[in-house]
Amino acid sequence: MNWLILLLLCLLPTAWAEQSIRLPATGVEQTQLVLYSATDYQHMAPLLQAFQRRRPDVAIVFVDFNSQQLYQRFLEEGRDSPADLLLSSAMDLQLKLVNDGHARPWHSDRTDALPAGVHWRHELFALTVEPVVMVFNRDLLGPHALPRSRQELLALLRRDPARFQGRIRAYDITQSGVGYLLATQDSQQGESYGRLLEAFGGLSVRLSESSNQMLTELAEGRAVLGYNLLGSYVAAAVDNHPQLAAVAPRDYSLLLMRLALISRYARQPQLAGELLDFMLSPVGQAALADGGLLPLFTPEAGLTVRPEGPVTPIPLTPALLPALDPLDKQGFIRTWTGSMAP
């Protein structure tokens, strides 16, 4: 193994990496692939294990970050990064890495056949989709019916504020790349989001870096509402905790894509491309579905929450980039924080 890669992996600080797992080669090890991921390992395990059955000579190092940490860590490492492949649902951050020259193109029969809307310049590729939903603890809602839209939710918060005081969970957009992306997209959909933020602030919303953290608090009865959670994580939680209910709001439901890129500095670019092709293959898409993720081309097969109104896909275009301009981002976060001030 290249000594520099080993050193970098050993030095990954716990403040950055939530989890680092090494999957040894199932045969005689010849090479190692390093995957930086903002998708939890349990969702990726069936895919990685299926890939190793095809390539028993490959060991895989899987390093799990939240989306903002993944982006910042990769930039800090620069050319010394051990990452071969980066996987994240923070579409804007992934696109910025490509736009700033940190990805290398990949062409294959499979990727060349992809529709234009699910890749960018053959450097960034969609693998799965994620519906964005609200989640409620039904046991804590008392006599109230599930709100089916943001307007109904706002009305309920105003009607029974004591029930929700300190028991609303939402993304901390200063710490979560996905949270920031969803907030900027919500802000473009109308005035209801701004009114919701004000209501959340008045009810002492608590902020989180991840959907899974919010789902844990909902399942344990420490929260009534989780706003803008990722659907694949929600589906697993709802299956295990019948007191939880998910709603894809009837006013609109955001839909994002989980994106992969091959690092410009990859030690194993060909192998990273092989894994990318495998992820996009029917077998790979089925393995991702086995992990609870929604396949790119047949997401309806895994949907546990049916949208009740318009679905608003977040497009993979440069329109995502202006919100990442440092001054624009500072201004958005300042406005967002001010809106939620109690």
Protein backbone atom coordinates (compact mmCIF):
# COMPACT_ATOMS: atom_id res chain seq x y z
CA MET A 1 0.00 0.00 0.00
CA ASN A 2 1.22 3.50 -0.77
CA TRP A 3 2.63 4.79 2.52
CA LEU A 4 1.27 8.32 2.02
CA ILE A 5 -2.28 7.06 1.56
CA LEU A 6 -1.97 4.94 4.70
CA LEU A 7 -0.61 7.88 6.68
CA LEU A 8 -3.40 10.20 5.57
CA LEU A 9 -6.06 7.65 6.43
CA CYS A 10 -4.59 7.08 9.86
CA LEU A 11 -4.51 10.82 10.51
CA LEU A 12 -8.16 11.44 9.64
CA PRO A 13 -9.39 13.24 12.77
CA THR A 14 -12.58 12.15 14.47
CA ALA A 15 -13.80 15.74 14.28
CA TRP A 16 -14.06 15.23 10.53
CA ALA A 17 -14.71 11.56 9.94
CA GLU A 18 -17.76 10.05 11.59
CA GLN A 19 -16.73 6.58 10.53
CA SER A 20 -13.88 4.93 8.66
CA ILE A 21 -14.26 1.31 7.58
CA ARG A 22 -11.84 -0.86 5.65
CA LEU A 23 -13.33 -3.73 3.67
CA PRO A 24 -10.46 -6.18 3.02
CA ALA A 25 -10.22 -7.80 -0.37
CA THR A 26 -12.10 -11.11 -0.42
CA GLY A 27 -9.33 -12.65 -2.52
CA VAL A 28 -5.66 -11.83 -2.90
CA GLU A 29 -5.43 -8.07 -2.44
CA GLN A 30 -3.91 -6.24 -5.38
CA THR A 31 -5.14 -2.69 -4.91
CA GLN A 32 -7.18 -0.37 -2.69
CA LEU A 33 -9.98 2.08 -3.49
CA VAL A 34 -10.77 5.00 -1.19
CA LEU A 35 -14.34 6.30 -1.11
CA TYR A 36 -15.33 9.53 0.68
CA SER A 37 -19.06 9.38 1.30
CA ALA A 38 -21.79 11.52 2.85
CA THR A 39 -24.09 8.49 2.67
CA ASP A 40 -24.04 6.24 5.73
CA TYR A 41 -22.21 2.93 5.41
CA GLN A 42 -25.24 0.73 6.08
CA HIS A 43 -26.90 2.14 2.96
CA MET A 44 -23.81 1.53 0.84
CA ALA A 45 -22.73 -1.86 2.23
CA PRO A 46 -24.76 -4.07 -0.18
CA LEU A 47 -23.33 -2.18 -3.16
CA LEU A 48 -19.72 -2.33 -1.97
CA GLN A 49 -19.97 -6.01 -1.11
CA ALA A 50 -21.50 -6.78 -4.51
CA PHE A 51 -18.66 -4.90 -6.20
CA GLN A 52 -16.06 -6.87 -4.26
CA ARG A 53 -17.66 -10.11 -5.41
CA ARG A 54 -16.82 -8.98 -8.92
CA ARG A 55 -13.43 -7.62 -7.94
CA PRO A 56 -12.17 -9.84 -5.08
CA ASP A 57 -8.70 -8.31 -5.47
CA VAL A 58 -9.91 -4.87 -4.35
CA ALA A 59 -9.92 -3.58 -0.78
CA ILE A 60 -12.19 -0.60 -0.10
CA VAL A 61 -11.68 2.13 2.48
CA PHE A 62 -15.01 3.84 3.18
CA VAL A 63 -14.80 7.18 5.01
CA ASP A 64 -18.11 8.66 6.17
CA PHE A 65 -18.50 12.43 6.60
CA ASN A 66 -21.43 14.77 6.65
CA SER A 67 -21.71 16.62 3.35
CA GLN A 68 -20.10 19.89 4.46
CA GLN A 69 -17.23 18.10 6.16
CA LEU A 70 -16.56 15.96 3.09
CA TYR A 71 -16.30 19.04 0.90
CA GLN A 72 -14.06 20.97 3.28
CA ARG A 73 -11.84 18.01 4.07
CA PHE A 74 -11.24 17.23 0.41
CA LEU A 75 -10.32 20.85 -0.31
CA GLU A 76 -7.95 20.98 2.66
CA GLU A 77 -6.17 17.83 1.51
CA GLY A 78 -5.88 19.04 -2.07
CA ARG A 79 -3.52 17.00 -4.21
CA ASP A 80 -2.63 14.85 -1.20
CA SER A 81 -6.18 13.60 -0.73
CA PRO A 82 -6.38 9.79 -0.66
CA ALA A 83 -9.95 9.88 -2.02
CA ASP A 84 -10.56 8.22 -5.37
CA LEU A 85 -14.34 8.72 -5.48
CA LEU A 86 -16.56 11.28 -3.71
CA LEU A 87 -20.24 10.60 -3.08
CA SER A 88 -22.63 13.22 -1.68
CA SER A 89 -26.19 14.48 -1.96
CA ALA A 90 -25.02 18.10 -1.48
CA MET A 91 -25.49 18.70 -5.19
CA ASP A 92 -24.23 22.28 -5.12
CA LEU A 93 -20.98 21.39 -3.33
CA GLN A 94 -20.30 18.49 -5.67
CA LEU A 95 -20.95 20.71 -8.68
CA LYS A 96 -18.62 23.36 -7.29
CA LEU A 97 -15.82 20.80 -6.95
CA VAL A 98 -16.29 19.96 -10.62
CA ASN A 99 -16.53 23.60 -11.65
CA ASP A 100 -13.31 24.38 -9.77
CA GLY A 101 -11.38 21.63 -11.52
CA HIS A 102 -11.22 18.94 -8.83
CA ALA A 103 -12.83 16.13 -10.85
CA ARG A 104 -11.72 14.10 -13.82
CA PRO A 105 -14.06 13.04 -16.63
CA TRP A 106 -15.14 9.45 -17.07
CA HIS A 107 -16.44 8.01 -20.32
CA SER A 108 -17.80 4.51 -20.74
CA ASP A 109 -20.59 2.92 -22.72
CA ARG A 110 -22.78 3.18 -19.63
CA THR A 111 -22.08 6.81 -18.76
CA ASP A 112 -22.16 7.95 -22.38
CA ALA A 113 -25.72 6.62 -22.58
CA LEU A 114 -26.94 8.69 -19.61
CA PRO A 115 -29.53 11.44 -20.21
CA ALA A 116 -28.15 14.95 -19.98
CA GLY A 117 -30.01 15.81 -16.77
CA VAL A 118 -28.29 13.17 -14.64
CA HIS A 119 -24.66 14.03 -15.33
CA TRP A 120 -22.59 17.18 -15.72
CA ARG A 121 -19.87 17.24 -18.38
CA HIS A 122 -19.21 13.54 -17.73
CA GLU A 123 -17.50 14.58 -14.51
CA LEU A 124 -20.42 14.38 -12.09
CA PHE A 125 -22.97 11.57 -12.12
CA ALA A 126 -26.30 10.99 -10.38
CA LEU A 127 -26.65 7.56 -8.77
CA THR A 128 -29.83 7.73 -6.69
CA VAL A 129 -32.57 10.20 -5.86
CA GLU A 130 -33.80 11.47 -2.50
CA PRO A 131 -37.29 12.77 -1.80
CA VAL A 132 -37.31 15.36 0.98
CA VAL A 133 -40.03 14.90 3.59
CA MET A 134 -41.40 16.02 6.93
CA VAL A 135 -41.53 13.45 9.75
CA PHE A 136 -43.84 13.47 12.77
CA ASN A 137 -44.04 11.46 15.95
CA ARG A 138 -47.73 10.61 15.83
CA ASP A 139 -47.87 9.69 19.52
CA LEU A 140 -46.88 13.26 20.38
CA LEU A 141 -49.29 14.94 17.98
CA GLY A 142 -52.18 14.24 20.31
CA PRO A 143 -55.58 14.85 18.74
CA HIS A 144 -54.19 16.57 15.67
CA ALA A 145 -54.24 15.08 12.16
CA LEU A 146 -50.99 14.94 10.22
CA PRO A 147 -50.39 18.26 8.43
CA ARG A 148 -50.27 17.58 4.71
CA SER A 149 -48.76 20.87 3.57
CA ARG A 150 -46.54 23.62 4.91
CA GLN A 151 -49.60 25.83 5.27
CA GLU A 152 -51.34 23.20 7.41
CA LEU A 153 -48.19 22.77 9.45
CA LEU A 154 -47.92 26.50 10.05
CA ALA A 155 -51.54 26.65 11.13
CA LEU A 156 -50.99 23.79 13.58
CA LEU A 157 -47.89 25.41 15.06
CA ARG A 158 -49.88 28.56 15.70
CA ARG A 159 -52.87 26.66 17.10
CA ASP A 160 -50.96 24.50 19.58
CA PRO A 161 -47.51 26.04 20.16
CA ALA A 162 -46.97 24.40 23.54
CA ARG A 163 -46.97 20.95 21.93
CA PHE A 164 -44.04 21.91 19.67
CA GLN A 165 -42.02 24.11 22.03
CA GLY A 166 -38.41 22.84 21.91
CA ARG A 167 -39.50 19.75 19.97
CA ILE A 168 -38.89 20.75 16.35
CA ARG A 169 -35.77 19.54 14.54
CA ALA A 170 -34.25 20.99 11.36
CA TYR A 171 -30.89 21.06 9.61
CA ASP A 172 -28.21 23.41 10.83
CA ILE A 173 -27.39 25.03 7.50
CA THR A 174 -24.07 26.33 8.82
CA GLN A 175 -22.86 22.76 9.41
CA SER A 176 -24.71 20.66 6.81
CA GLY A 177 -24.16 21.06 3.08
CA VAL A 178 -27.42 19.27 2.29
CA GLY A 179 -29.23 21.44 4.82
CA TYR A 180 -27.96 24.60 3.15
CA LEU A 181 -28.91 23.32 -0.30
CA LEU A 182 -32.45 22.48 0.80
CA ALA A 183 -32.87 25.84 2.54
CA THR A 184 -31.82 27.78 -0.56
CA GLN A 185 -34.20 25.70 -2.68
CA ASP A 186 -37.07 26.15 -0.21
CA SER A 187 -36.52 29.90 -0.25
CA GLN A 188 -37.26 29.94 -3.99
CA GLN A 189 -40.63 28.24 -3.64
CA GLY A 190 -42.64 31.03 -2.04
CA GLU A 191 -43.33 32.91 1.17
CA SER A 192 -44.45 29.93 3.24
CA TYR A 193 -40.88 28.91 4.03
CA GLY A 194 -40.03 32.27 5.59
CA ARG A 195 -43.13 32.11 7.77
CA LEU A 196 -42.21 28.57 8.81
CA LEU A 197 -38.72 29.70 9.84
CA GLU A 198 -40.20 32.44 12.00
CA ALA A 199 -42.54 29.92 13.62
CA PHE A 200 -39.68 27.48 14.18
CA GLY A 201 -37.62 30.20 15.84
CA GLY A 202 -40.46 31.20 18.13
CA LEU A 203 -40.77 27.57 19.23
CA SER A 204 -37.05 27.12 19.98
CA VAL A 205 -36.20 24.82 17.10
CA ARG A 206 -33.13 22.65 17.66
CA LEU A 207 -30.69 22.25 14.82
CA SER A 208 -28.89 19.13 13.65
CA GLU A 209 -26.25 18.07 11.13
CA SER A 210 -27.95 14.89 9.91
CA SER A 211 -31.27 13.25 9.12
CA ASN A 212 -30.37 10.22 11.22
CA GLN A 213 -29.73 12.32 14.31
CA MET A 214 -33.13 13.97 13.92
CA LEU A 215 -34.82 10.61 13.35
CA THR A 216 -33.29 9.22 16.53
CA GLU A 217 -34.71 12.09 18.55
CA LEU A 218 -38.11 11.68 16.90
CA ALA A 219 -38.18 7.95 17.61
CA GLU A 220 -37.16 8.49 21.25
CA GLY A 221 -39.96 11.01 21.79
CA ARG A 222 -37.70 14.03 22.21
CA ALA A 223 -39.10 15.69 19.08
CA VAL A 224 -42.51 15.97 17.44
CA LEU A 225 -41.42 17.25 14.02
CA GLY A 226 -38.39 16.85 11.78
CA TYR A 227 -38.32 19.16 8.76
CA ASN A 228 -36.65 18.41 5.41
CA LEU A 229 -35.32 14.92 6.11
CA LEU A 230 -33.91 12.62 3.43
CA GLY A 231 -36.42 10.03 2.32
CA SER A 232 -34.18 6.95 2.24
CA TYR A 233 -33.15 7.43 5.87
CA VAL A 234 -36.76 8.15 6.80
CA ALA A 235 -38.01 4.95 5.16
CA ALA A 236 -35.76 2.78 7.33
CA ALA A 237 -36.77 4.67 10.50
CA VAL A 238 -40.50 4.43 9.75
CA ASP A 239 -40.17 0.68 9.21
CA ASN A 240 -38.57 0.28 12.64
CA HIS A 241 -40.61 2.84 14.57
CA PRO A 242 -44.35 2.73 13.84
CA GLN A 243 -44.94 5.91 15.84
CA LEU A 244 -43.21 7.86 13.06
CA ALA A 245 -45.07 9.13 10.01
CA ALA A 246 -43.59 10.80 6.95
CA VAL A 247 -45.31 13.40 4.77
CA ALA A 248 -44.29 14.58 1.32
CA PRO A 249 -46.09 17.96 1.43
CA ARG A 250 -48.86 18.54 -1.09
CA ASP A 251 -47.73 22.12 -1.82
CA TYR A 252 -44.40 20.82 -3.21
CA SER A 253 -41.81 18.15 -2.47
CA LEU A 254 -38.13 18.71 -3.22
CA LEU A 255 -36.23 15.90 -4.91
CA LEU A 256 -32.43 15.85 -4.93
CA MET A 257 -29.87 13.49 -6.46
CA ARG A 258 -26.94 11.73 -4.86
CA LEU A 259 -23.88 12.52 -7.00
CA ALA A 260 -20.49 10.90 -7.53
CA LEU A 261 -17.26 12.28 -8.96
CA ILE A 262 -13.81 10.85 -9.54
CA SER A 263 -11.13 12.95 -7.87
CA ARG A 264 -8.69 14.67 -10.18
CA TYR A 265 -5.99 13.41 -7.82
CA ALA A 266 -7.26 9.81 -7.58
CA ARG A 267 -4.61 7.14 -7.17
CA GLN A 268 -6.97 4.62 -8.75
CA PRO A 269 -9.02 6.55 -11.36
CA GLN A 270 -9.70 3.50 -13.55
CA LEU A 271 -10.93 1.48 -10.59
CA ALA A 272 -13.06 4.41 -9.41
CA GLY A 273 -14.62 4.50 -12.88
CA GLU A 274 -15.30 0.78 -12.67
CA LEU A 275 -17.15 1.28 -9.39
CA LEU A 276 -19.07 4.21 -10.87
CA ASP A 277 -20.14 2.08 -13.84
CA PHE A 278 -21.15 -0.71 -11.47
CA MET A 279 -23.28 1.70 -9.42
CA LEU A 280 -25.13 2.69 -12.59
CA SER A 281 -25.61 -0.90 -13.81
CA PRO A 282 -28.86 -2.80 -13.15
CA VAL A 283 -27.05 -4.99 -10.62
CA GLY A 284 -25.53 -1.98 -8.89
CA GLN A 285 -28.81 -0.08 -8.81
CA ALA A 286 -30.48 -3.13 -7.27
CA ALA A 287 -27.74 -3.30 -4.63
CA LEU A 288 -28.25 0.38 -3.80
CA ALA A 289 -31.97 -0.34 -3.45
CA ASP A 290 -31.12 -3.23 -1.12
CA GLY A 291 -29.37 -0.65 1.05
CA GLY A 292 -32.54 1.43 1.22
CA LEU A 293 -31.61 4.02 -1.41
CA LEU A 294 -33.87 4.96 -4.32
CA PRO A 295 -32.56 3.89 -7.74
CA LEU A 296 -31.93 6.64 -10.25
CA PHE A 297 -34.26 5.42 -12.98
CA THR A 298 -36.93 3.54 -10.98
CA PRO A 299 -37.22 5.47 -7.69
CA GLU A 300 -40.93 4.70 -7.40
CA ALA A 301 -40.05 1.06 -6.67
CA GLY A 302 -38.64 2.04 -3.29
CA LEU A 303 -40.92 4.91 -2.32
CA THR A 304 -42.60 4.48 1.04
CA VAL A 305 -44.06 8.01 1.01
CA ARG A 306 -45.99 9.03 -2.06
CA PRO A 307 -45.87 12.73 -2.96
CA GLU A 308 -49.27 14.33 -2.55
CA GLY A 309 -48.56 17.26 -4.83
CA PRO A 310 -45.97 18.64 -7.23
CA VAL A 311 -42.49 17.18 -7.11
CA THR A 312 -39.75 19.79 -7.59
CA PRO A 313 -36.48 18.18 -8.72
CA ILE A 314 -33.35 20.15 -7.93
CA PRO A 315 -31.70 20.49 -11.35
CA LEU A 316 -28.06 19.62 -11.92
CA THR A 317 -27.10 22.93 -13.53
CA PRO A 318 -24.79 25.88 -12.79
CA ALA A 319 -27.83 27.64 -11.31
CA LEU A 320 -26.85 25.93 -8.06
CA LEU A 321 -23.54 27.77 -7.83
CA PRO A 322 -24.44 31.44 -7.10
CA ALA A 323 -25.77 30.51 -3.65
CA LEU A 324 -22.23 29.31 -2.79
CA ASP A 325 -20.64 32.68 -3.49
CA PRO A 326 -19.12 33.59 -0.10
CA LEU A 327 -20.91 36.93 0.21
CA ASP A 328 -24.23 35.52 -0.98
CA LYS A 329 -23.91 32.58 1.38
CA GLN A 330 -23.08 34.80 4.33
CA GLY A 331 -26.07 36.97 3.54
CA PHE A 332 -28.42 33.99 3.19
CA ILE A 333 -27.26 32.46 6.47
CA ARG A 334 -27.59 35.82 8.23
CA THR A 335 -31.16 36.20 6.96
CA TRP A 336 -32.00 32.58 7.80
CA THR A 337 -30.59 32.91 11.31
CA GLY A 338 -32.42 36.19 11.85
CA SER A 339 -35.69 34.67 10.69
CA MET A 340 -35.41 31.96 13.31
CA ALA A 341 -34.42 34.22 16.17
CA PRO A 342 -36.92 33.70 19.02
